[in-house]
Amino acid sequence: MIDSPAKITTLIVDDQHDIRLLARLLIEAANEGLSVIGEASSGFEAIEQVELFEPLVVVLDEMMPEMTGIEAASLLRQSRPDQITILFTAYLDERVRVRAREAGVTACLSKDRIDELPEFIRQVVADAA
């Protein structure tokens, strides 16, 4: 259970630097208890950084080379069953949502709604509490 909003730490995972930067800026501008504790450019990096930083939330791009966001979420779920993961993708359709749900992804958000990311993170954390 979350004790205070200041505990919402986030890891941003996307192979595109510009998307990671924009997500970071939006989260940091929203402030209100959100913080970015790390960034990763691949699913493999994400898994390493989750072990290192133990973020409350991992925001995962789906389409990345070598390992997709859904594959990374599935691996994370094996070692950290309570890990909150948000699939953040430009290719969000029902097929992707079903695959994400089967992999244990907590929630999905389309990249065209990136401006909603900070509030979406807060809502997903509140729902998971």
N, C-alpha and C. Protein backbone atom coordinates (compact mmCIF):
# COMPACT_ATOMS: atom_id res chain seq x y z
N MET A 1 0.84 -1.19 0.00
CA MET A 1 0.00 0.00 0.00
C MET A 1 0.88 1.25 0.00
N ILE A 2 0.47 2.28 -0.70
CA ILE A 2 1.22 3.52 -0.82
C ILE A 2 0.92 4.40 0.40
N ASP A 3 1.99 4.87 1.06
CA ASP A 3 1.82 5.70 2.24
C ASP A 3 1.57 7.17 1.89
N SER A 4 2.27 7.65 0.85
CA SER A 4 2.10 9.05 0.48
C SER A 4 2.38 9.21 -1.01
N PRO A 5 1.84 10.28 -1.62
CA PRO A 5 2.05 10.50 -3.03
C PRO A 5 3.52 10.65 -3.39
N ALA A 6 4.38 11.05 -2.46
CA ALA A 6 5.80 11.25 -2.74
C ALA A 6 6.49 9.93 -3.08
N LYS A 7 5.82 8.82 -2.88
CA LYS A 7 6.42 7.51 -3.13
C LYS A 7 6.19 7.01 -4.55
N ILE A 8 5.62 7.78 -5.44
CA ILE A 8 5.36 7.32 -6.81
C ILE A 8 6.60 7.56 -7.66
N THR A 9 7.49 6.56 -7.65
CA THR A 9 8.70 6.62 -8.45
C THR A 9 8.47 5.88 -9.76
N THR A 10 9.02 6.43 -10.83
CA THR A 10 8.73 5.91 -12.16
C THR A 10 10.01 5.66 -12.95
N LEU A 11 10.02 4.55 -13.68
CA LEU A 11 11.06 4.24 -14.65
C LEU A 11 10.42 4.36 -16.03
N ILE A 12 11.04 5.13 -16.92
CA ILE A 12 10.52 5.33 -18.27
C ILE A 12 11.35 4.49 -19.23
N VAL A 13 10.67 3.65 -20.02
CA VAL A 13 11.37 2.76 -20.95
C VAL A 13 10.85 2.99 -22.36
N ASP A 14 11.72 3.48 -23.23
CA ASP A 14 11.38 3.72 -24.63
C ASP A 14 12.67 3.78 -25.42
N ASP A 15 12.68 3.21 -26.60
CA ASP A 15 13.90 3.23 -27.41
C ASP A 15 14.13 4.60 -28.07
N GLN A 16 13.13 5.49 -28.01
CA GLN A 16 13.28 6.82 -28.58
C GLN A 16 13.59 7.83 -27.47
N HIS A 17 14.76 8.44 -27.57
CA HIS A 17 15.20 9.40 -26.57
C HIS A 17 14.20 10.54 -26.40
N ASP A 18 13.66 11.06 -27.50
CA ASP A 18 12.72 12.20 -27.43
C ASP A 18 11.47 11.86 -26.62
N ILE A 19 10.97 10.64 -26.77
CA ILE A 19 9.78 10.23 -26.01
C ILE A 19 10.12 10.12 -24.52
N ARG A 20 11.29 9.53 -24.21
CA ARG A 20 11.70 9.45 -22.80
C ARG A 20 11.83 10.84 -22.20
N LEU A 21 12.44 11.77 -22.95
CA LEU A 21 12.62 13.13 -22.46
C LEU A 21 11.27 13.82 -22.24
N LEU A 22 10.36 13.70 -23.20
CA LEU A 22 9.05 14.33 -23.07
C LEU A 22 8.29 13.75 -21.88
N ALA A 23 8.31 12.43 -21.74
CA ALA A 23 7.62 11.80 -20.59
C ALA A 23 8.22 12.29 -19.28
N ARG A 24 9.55 12.35 -19.20
CA ARG A 24 10.22 12.85 -18.00
C ARG A 24 9.79 14.28 -17.68
N LEU A 25 9.81 15.14 -18.70
CA LEU A 25 9.45 16.54 -18.49
C LEU A 25 8.01 16.69 -18.02
N LEU A 26 7.10 15.93 -18.60
CA LEU A 26 5.69 15.98 -18.20
C LEU A 26 5.52 15.52 -16.75
N ILE A 27 6.17 14.43 -16.39
CA ILE A 27 6.06 13.90 -15.04
C ILE A 27 6.67 14.87 -14.04
N GLU A 28 7.85 15.39 -14.35
CA GLU A 28 8.49 16.32 -13.43
C GLU A 28 7.74 17.64 -13.33
N ALA A 29 7.15 18.11 -14.43
CA ALA A 29 6.36 19.35 -14.39
C ALA A 29 5.10 19.17 -13.55
N ALA A 30 4.50 17.98 -13.62
CA ALA A 30 3.30 17.70 -12.85
C ALA A 30 3.62 17.65 -11.36
N ASN A 31 4.86 17.24 -11.06
CA ASN A 31 5.35 17.16 -9.69
C ASN A 31 4.37 16.38 -8.84
N GLU A 32 3.72 17.01 -7.92
CA GLU A 32 2.66 16.41 -7.11
C GLU A 32 2.92 14.94 -6.73
N GLY A 33 4.12 14.68 -6.22
CA GLY A 33 4.41 13.35 -5.72
C GLY A 33 4.95 12.37 -6.73
N LEU A 34 5.15 12.80 -7.96
CA LEU A 34 5.70 11.92 -8.99
C LEU A 34 7.17 12.22 -9.18
N SER A 35 7.96 11.19 -9.42
CA SER A 35 9.36 11.42 -9.76
C SER A 35 9.82 10.34 -10.72
N VAL A 36 10.75 10.71 -11.57
CA VAL A 36 11.37 9.77 -12.50
C VAL A 36 12.71 9.38 -11.89
N ILE A 37 12.88 8.10 -11.60
CA ILE A 37 14.14 7.66 -10.99
C ILE A 37 15.08 7.01 -11.98
N GLY A 38 14.61 6.85 -13.22
CA GLY A 38 15.49 6.26 -14.22
C GLY A 38 14.84 6.19 -15.58
N GLU A 39 15.69 5.95 -16.57
CA GLU A 39 15.24 5.77 -17.95
C GLU A 39 15.98 4.57 -18.52
N ALA A 40 15.33 3.89 -19.43
CA ALA A 40 15.95 2.76 -20.13
C ALA A 40 15.54 2.82 -21.59
N SER A 41 16.42 2.34 -22.46
CA SER A 41 16.13 2.39 -23.89
C SER A 41 15.79 1.01 -24.46
N SER A 42 15.73 0.00 -23.59
CA SER A 42 15.37 -1.35 -24.05
C SER A 42 14.74 -2.13 -22.91
N GLY A 43 14.10 -3.24 -23.28
CA GLY A 43 13.52 -4.11 -22.27
C GLY A 43 14.56 -4.71 -21.35
N PHE A 44 15.72 -5.06 -21.91
CA PHE A 44 16.80 -5.62 -21.09
C PHE A 44 17.29 -4.60 -20.07
N GLU A 45 17.50 -3.36 -20.53
CA GLU A 45 17.90 -2.28 -19.61
C GLU A 45 16.84 -2.07 -18.53
N ALA A 46 15.58 -2.13 -18.93
CA ALA A 46 14.48 -1.93 -17.98
C ALA A 46 14.55 -2.95 -16.85
N ILE A 47 14.75 -4.21 -17.19
CA ILE A 47 14.81 -5.27 -16.19
C ILE A 47 15.96 -5.02 -15.22
N GLU A 48 17.12 -4.62 -15.76
CA GLU A 48 18.28 -4.31 -14.91
C GLU A 48 17.97 -3.13 -13.98
N GLN A 49 17.35 -2.09 -14.53
CA GLN A 49 17.10 -0.89 -13.73
C GLN A 49 16.00 -1.10 -12.71
N VAL A 50 15.04 -1.95 -13.00
CA VAL A 50 14.00 -2.25 -12.00
C VAL A 50 14.64 -2.91 -10.79
N GLU A 51 15.56 -3.83 -11.03
CA GLU A 51 16.26 -4.48 -9.92
C GLU A 51 17.10 -3.48 -9.14
N LEU A 52 17.71 -2.53 -9.83
CA LEU A 52 18.59 -1.55 -9.20
C LEU A 52 17.81 -0.48 -8.42
N PHE A 53 16.78 0.11 -9.07
CA PHE A 53 16.07 1.26 -8.49
C PHE A 53 14.76 0.93 -7.80
N GLU A 54 14.17 -0.23 -8.10
CA GLU A 54 12.88 -0.64 -7.53
C GLU A 54 11.80 0.44 -7.66
N PRO A 55 11.50 0.87 -8.88
CA PRO A 55 10.46 1.88 -9.06
C PRO A 55 9.09 1.32 -8.73
N LEU A 56 8.20 2.18 -8.32
CA LEU A 56 6.82 1.76 -8.09
C LEU A 56 6.13 1.47 -9.42
N VAL A 57 6.43 2.30 -10.43
CA VAL A 57 5.78 2.19 -11.74
C VAL A 57 6.83 2.09 -12.84
N VAL A 58 6.59 1.21 -13.81
CA VAL A 58 7.42 1.12 -15.00
C VAL A 58 6.53 1.44 -16.20
N VAL A 59 6.91 2.48 -16.95
CA VAL A 59 6.19 2.88 -18.17
C VAL A 59 6.96 2.29 -19.34
N LEU A 60 6.35 1.34 -20.05
CA LEU A 60 7.02 0.58 -21.10
C LEU A 60 6.47 0.86 -22.48
N ASP A 61 7.36 1.23 -23.40
CA ASP A 61 7.00 1.28 -24.81
C ASP A 61 6.81 -0.16 -25.28
N GLU A 62 5.93 -0.39 -26.24
CA GLU A 62 5.73 -1.75 -26.75
C GLU A 62 6.75 -2.09 -27.83
N MET A 63 6.90 -1.23 -28.83
CA MET A 63 7.73 -1.54 -29.99
C MET A 63 9.18 -1.10 -29.76
N MET A 64 9.98 -2.04 -29.25
CA MET A 64 11.41 -1.79 -29.05
C MET A 64 12.18 -2.95 -29.66
N PRO A 65 13.39 -2.69 -30.13
CA PRO A 65 14.19 -3.79 -30.69
C PRO A 65 14.58 -4.79 -29.61
N GLU A 66 14.76 -6.02 -30.00
CA GLU A 66 15.23 -7.13 -29.16
C GLU A 66 14.19 -7.66 -28.18
N MET A 67 13.47 -6.79 -27.47
CA MET A 67 12.46 -7.22 -26.52
C MET A 67 11.35 -6.18 -26.48
N THR A 68 10.11 -6.62 -26.71
CA THR A 68 8.98 -5.69 -26.66
C THR A 68 8.64 -5.33 -25.22
N GLY A 69 7.83 -4.31 -25.07
CA GLY A 69 7.37 -3.93 -23.75
C GLY A 69 6.56 -5.02 -23.08
N ILE A 70 5.74 -5.72 -23.86
CA ILE A 70 4.94 -6.81 -23.30
C ILE A 70 5.85 -7.94 -22.82
N GLU A 71 6.87 -8.27 -23.60
CA GLU A 71 7.82 -9.30 -23.17
C GLU A 71 8.54 -8.88 -21.89
N ALA A 72 8.95 -7.61 -21.83
CA ALA A 72 9.63 -7.11 -20.63
C ALA A 72 8.69 -7.16 -19.42
N ALA A 73 7.44 -6.77 -19.62
CA ALA A 73 6.46 -6.80 -18.52
C ALA A 73 6.26 -8.22 -18.01
N SER A 74 6.22 -9.18 -18.92
CA SER A 74 6.05 -10.57 -18.54
C SER A 74 7.23 -11.06 -17.70
N LEU A 75 8.44 -10.71 -18.10
CA LEU A 75 9.63 -11.09 -17.33
C LEU A 75 9.66 -10.39 -15.97
N LEU A 76 9.30 -9.12 -15.95
CA LEU A 76 9.25 -8.39 -14.67
C LEU A 76 8.25 -9.03 -13.72
N ARG A 77 7.12 -9.44 -14.25
CA ARG A 77 6.06 -10.04 -13.44
C ARG A 77 6.54 -11.32 -12.76
N GLN A 78 7.46 -12.05 -13.41
CA GLN A 78 7.99 -13.29 -12.82
C GLN A 78 8.80 -13.01 -11.56
N SER A 79 9.61 -11.96 -11.58
CA SER A 79 10.46 -11.67 -10.43
C SER A 79 9.82 -10.69 -9.45
N ARG A 80 8.89 -9.87 -9.95
CA ARG A 80 8.22 -8.86 -9.10
C ARG A 80 6.72 -8.89 -9.42
N PRO A 81 5.99 -9.84 -8.85
CA PRO A 81 4.57 -10.01 -9.19
C PRO A 81 3.69 -8.78 -8.95
N ASP A 82 4.10 -7.90 -8.05
CA ASP A 82 3.28 -6.72 -7.75
C ASP A 82 3.74 -5.48 -8.50
N GLN A 83 4.69 -5.63 -9.41
CA GLN A 83 5.20 -4.48 -10.15
C GLN A 83 4.09 -3.83 -10.97
N ILE A 84 3.91 -2.53 -10.82
CA ILE A 84 2.93 -1.80 -11.62
C ILE A 84 3.59 -1.46 -12.95
N THR A 85 2.98 -1.92 -14.04
CA THR A 85 3.51 -1.64 -15.37
C THR A 85 2.43 -0.98 -16.22
N ILE A 86 2.85 0.04 -16.95
CA ILE A 86 1.95 0.73 -17.89
C ILE A 86 2.55 0.56 -19.28
N LEU A 87 1.80 -0.07 -20.17
CA LEU A 87 2.22 -0.18 -21.56
C LEU A 87 1.85 1.13 -22.24
N PHE A 88 2.84 1.79 -22.82
CA PHE A 88 2.69 3.12 -23.39
C PHE A 88 3.10 3.01 -24.85
N THR A 89 2.10 2.95 -25.74
CA THR A 89 2.40 2.61 -27.12
C THR A 89 1.57 3.40 -28.13
N ALA A 90 2.15 3.59 -29.30
CA ALA A 90 1.43 4.24 -30.40
C ALA A 90 0.53 3.23 -31.11
N TYR A 91 0.72 1.95 -30.82
CA TYR A 91 0.00 0.89 -31.52
C TYR A 91 -0.97 0.18 -30.58
N LEU A 92 -1.83 0.94 -29.94
CA LEU A 92 -2.74 0.37 -28.95
C LEU A 92 -4.07 0.02 -29.60
N ASP A 93 -4.29 -1.28 -29.76
CA ASP A 93 -5.57 -1.77 -30.25
C ASP A 93 -6.00 -2.91 -29.33
N GLU A 94 -7.14 -3.51 -29.61
CA GLU A 94 -7.66 -4.55 -28.72
C GLU A 94 -6.73 -5.76 -28.64
N ARG A 95 -6.10 -6.12 -29.75
CA ARG A 95 -5.17 -7.25 -29.75
C ARG A 95 -3.99 -7.00 -28.81
N VAL A 96 -3.45 -5.78 -28.85
CA VAL A 96 -2.35 -5.41 -27.96
C VAL A 96 -2.82 -5.39 -26.51
N ARG A 97 -4.01 -4.86 -26.28
CA ARG A 97 -4.55 -4.84 -24.91
C ARG A 97 -4.70 -6.25 -24.33
N VAL A 98 -5.17 -7.19 -25.15
CA VAL A 98 -5.34 -8.58 -24.69
C VAL A 98 -3.98 -9.19 -24.37
N ARG A 99 -3.01 -9.02 -25.26
CA ARG A 99 -1.66 -9.55 -25.01
C ARG A 99 -1.05 -8.93 -23.76
N ALA A 100 -1.27 -7.63 -23.58
CA ALA A 100 -0.73 -6.93 -22.40
C ALA A 100 -1.36 -7.48 -21.13
N ARG A 101 -2.67 -7.65 -21.14
CA ARG A 101 -3.38 -8.19 -19.97
C ARG A 101 -2.86 -9.59 -19.64
N GLU A 102 -2.68 -10.43 -20.67
CA GLU A 102 -2.18 -11.79 -20.46
C GLU A 102 -0.76 -11.79 -19.87
N ALA A 103 0.03 -10.77 -20.19
CA ALA A 103 1.41 -10.67 -19.68
C ALA A 103 1.46 -10.05 -18.29
N GLY A 104 0.32 -9.59 -17.79
CA GLY A 104 0.28 -9.01 -16.46
C GLY A 104 0.49 -7.51 -16.42
N VAL A 105 0.39 -6.83 -17.57
CA VAL A 105 0.49 -5.37 -17.60
C VAL A 105 -0.67 -4.79 -16.81
N THR A 106 -0.38 -3.80 -16.00
CA THR A 106 -1.40 -3.20 -15.13
C THR A 106 -2.39 -2.35 -15.91
N ALA A 107 -1.89 -1.54 -16.86
CA ALA A 107 -2.75 -0.63 -17.62
C ALA A 107 -2.05 -0.26 -18.94
N CYS A 108 -2.83 0.25 -19.87
CA CYS A 108 -2.30 0.66 -21.18
C CYS A 108 -2.71 2.10 -21.46
N LEU A 109 -1.81 2.84 -22.10
CA LEU A 109 -2.09 4.22 -22.50
C LEU A 109 -1.49 4.45 -23.88
N SER A 110 -2.27 5.06 -24.75
CA SER A 110 -1.81 5.38 -26.09
C SER A 110 -0.86 6.58 -26.05
N LYS A 111 0.19 6.54 -26.86
CA LYS A 111 1.16 7.64 -26.88
C LYS A 111 0.54 8.96 -27.33
N ASP A 112 -0.56 8.92 -28.07
CA ASP A 112 -1.18 10.18 -28.47
C ASP A 112 -1.85 10.88 -27.29
N ARG A 113 -1.86 10.22 -26.13
CA ARG A 113 -2.39 10.83 -24.90
C ARG A 113 -1.27 11.10 -23.90
N ILE A 114 -0.06 11.34 -24.39
CA ILE A 114 1.11 11.51 -23.53
C ILE A 114 0.92 12.63 -22.50
N ASP A 115 0.16 13.66 -22.87
CA ASP A 115 -0.07 14.76 -21.93
C ASP A 115 -0.85 14.30 -20.69
N GLU A 116 -1.53 13.16 -20.76
CA GLU A 116 -2.28 12.61 -19.64
C GLU A 116 -1.44 11.67 -18.77
N LEU A 117 -0.19 11.43 -19.15
CA LEU A 117 0.63 10.44 -18.46
C LEU A 117 0.75 10.65 -16.96
N PRO A 118 1.06 11.86 -16.47
CA PRO A 118 1.18 12.01 -15.01
C PRO A 118 -0.09 11.64 -14.24
N GLU A 119 -1.23 12.12 -14.70
CA GLU A 119 -2.49 11.80 -14.02
C GLU A 119 -2.83 10.32 -14.17
N PHE A 120 -2.52 9.75 -15.32
CA PHE A 120 -2.77 8.33 -15.56
C PHE A 120 -1.95 7.49 -14.57
N ILE A 121 -0.69 7.84 -14.37
CA ILE A 121 0.17 7.13 -13.42
C ILE A 121 -0.45 7.19 -12.03
N ARG A 122 -0.86 8.39 -11.61
CA ARG A 122 -1.48 8.53 -10.27
C ARG A 122 -2.72 7.66 -10.13
N GLN A 123 -3.55 7.64 -11.18
CA GLN A 123 -4.79 6.86 -11.13
C GLN A 123 -4.51 5.36 -11.08
N VAL A 124 -3.54 4.90 -11.88
CA VAL A 124 -3.19 3.47 -11.88
C VAL A 124 -2.66 3.06 -10.51
N VAL A 125 -1.83 3.89 -9.90
CA VAL A 125 -1.29 3.60 -8.56
C VAL A 125 -2.43 3.55 -7.54
N ALA A 126 -3.33 4.52 -7.62
CA ALA A 126 -4.47 4.55 -6.69
C ALA A 126 -5.33 3.30 -6.86
N ASP A 127 -5.56 2.88 -8.10
CA ASP A 127 -6.37 1.68 -8.35
C ASP A 127 -5.69 0.42 -7.86
N ALA A 128 -4.35 0.40 -7.90
CA ALA A 128 -3.60 -0.77 -7.48
C ALA A 128 -3.45 -0.87 -5.97
N ALA A 129 -3.69 0.23 -5.28
CA ALA A 129 -3.49 0.26 -3.81
C ALA A 129 -4.54 -0.55 -3.07
